Amino acid sequence: MQPMPNHTNKAMPDALVILFFVVLVAAIATHFIPAGFFEVVMNPDTNKKELVAGSFQFAEDYQGVPLFAEHGEIGFLNFAFEGMVSGSKWGSAIGVMMFIILTGGAFGIIMQTKAIDNGILTLINNTKQLEVMFIPLLFVLFSAGGAIFGMGEESIAFCIVLLPLMRALGYDGVVTVLVAYASTQIGFAASWMNPFSVAIAQGIADIPLMSGMNFRIVMWVVFTAVGVVFTMHYAAKIKRQPELSVCPDSSPIQGLDSLSNARFSKTDGLILSTFLAGIIWVIWGVIARGYYIPELASQFFTLGVVVGIFAIACGRMTINQVANAFKSGAKELLPAAMIVGMAKGIVIVLGGDQADQASVLNTLLHYTGQALGDLPQTLSAICMYLFQSVFNFFIASGSGQAALTMPIMAPLADILGLSRQIAVLAFQLGDGFTNIIIPTSAALIGCLGVCKVDWFVWAKFVWRFMLILAAISIAFIVVAVQIGFS
């Protein structure tokens, strides 16, 4: 495939670059903003500390962080190491980092078997004659992929496969991007278990992984249904009147061989059955046994090992290929894990996240809480959602955004009298849906490039859909506040 042309003169800074300067600003701020702390009490029901409303007070004799610190103290240049080794296996940062790396390695094995690819290709091949069901089936399938295992960049490959078929059926590149990419981001945003987004945010917020599952599954069904209806409406319109396409393409149709050659073998069936059983095991562990980060990471690792054993036994992969697939999957998510650890350094530089210990973070939370405190709780939650939506333009990585924002948003929710579950909900909705339009999303730009759809054409087309998603997101947030979602 030819490299995509670069339509911008300046690339957005890498997330690590942005993170470095955020920590620098935080370190400078400690010399100008006084530290403070809250009084806390132990909640006998949850066995966790909670803030006492109106108890904030400034600390005495607090000094800003130095450039470099010795003997385990905190300085600006110490933030990376201190952030990465902070916490415990039960949460941020080290526990979440290892969860990301192990889960990434496990999915590296699963994806390398090509069983998921073969299953999707076979479904496409078997349903392409059933045009009424073709687009809805694929949309729901890709949405489930985004919800269950964070499918995103993989959409680029499926756009390559789907585009010639879509055009053969009378559709265009926009329909292809909606089905193969926008669907995954709808699943990503409304997910109840995505290990690379909502699970990380819940771990950082110190709430049980996959908690609030029932609410999120309902949310996923609604958003996916809306996506199907929107996509089918546009697809039917341009099939009746091709001149209404926003990106007409008259070039010859090529490349259907990969579909006709798609083969779903017994090995693929065995691997996908194992994958499904593993997901059911994970969900059972969370619901019935209260599994958390250590158990979930080990479950995904076990799933990867079992799939690898079956792949070896069936001749799909060699033992070294399984090992390399694990390393490759972990390698792909290593930057995300590093961001989680280094982002924790922001909190450490600001004095830590303990409400009853002096820190600049407590002062920032106090004044932010005062600014939002005069607002109704529902409006405060909506503001958190809008903040996450805007912030995603700069940090398009779900795990990176969770690492940067949740250490602040979670305790802010405490101050505002909102549950941390609502803070996570605001994060996932704000982070996920904006990936459908922001030009800083590599997966979106890749899909648009493959389908020969200019970003400006796409943005002009999809902005109304984004408003619909935003309106429904706000409606779900309002409902969540009203029912005390936790």
Foldseek 3Di string as FASTA:
>chain_A
DDDFDDPDPDAFDDLVVVLLVLLVVLLVVQAPFFWKFFDWDQDPVVRDIFGDFPRIDTDPPDHGADCDDPDPADHSVCLLVCLCPDDDLQFPDVVLLLLLLLLLLLVLLLVLLCLVVLVLLQLLLVCLVVVVCNQLVLLQVLLQVLQAANDALVLLVVLLQCQLSLVVLQFALLLSCLRSHLSSLLSQLLHLAHSFFLQNLCRHLVHARSPVVVLSVVSSVVSSVLSSVVSVVVRVVCSVPVVPDLDDDDDDRDDNVVSVPRDNDVLSVVLVVLVVVLSVVLVCCCVPVVDGSVVNSVSSSVSSVVNLVSCCVVVSDPPVVSVVSSVVSSVVCNVLSSLLSSLSSSQVSQPHLHNRGIGSLVVVLVVVCVVCLVPPLLVVLLVLLVVLLVVCLNVLRNSNSSSNPSSNQSVSCSSNVAHSVSSSSSNSLSNRNSLCQRPSNPSNVSSCSSSVHDSVSSCVPCVVVSVVSSVVSSVSSSVCRVVRPD
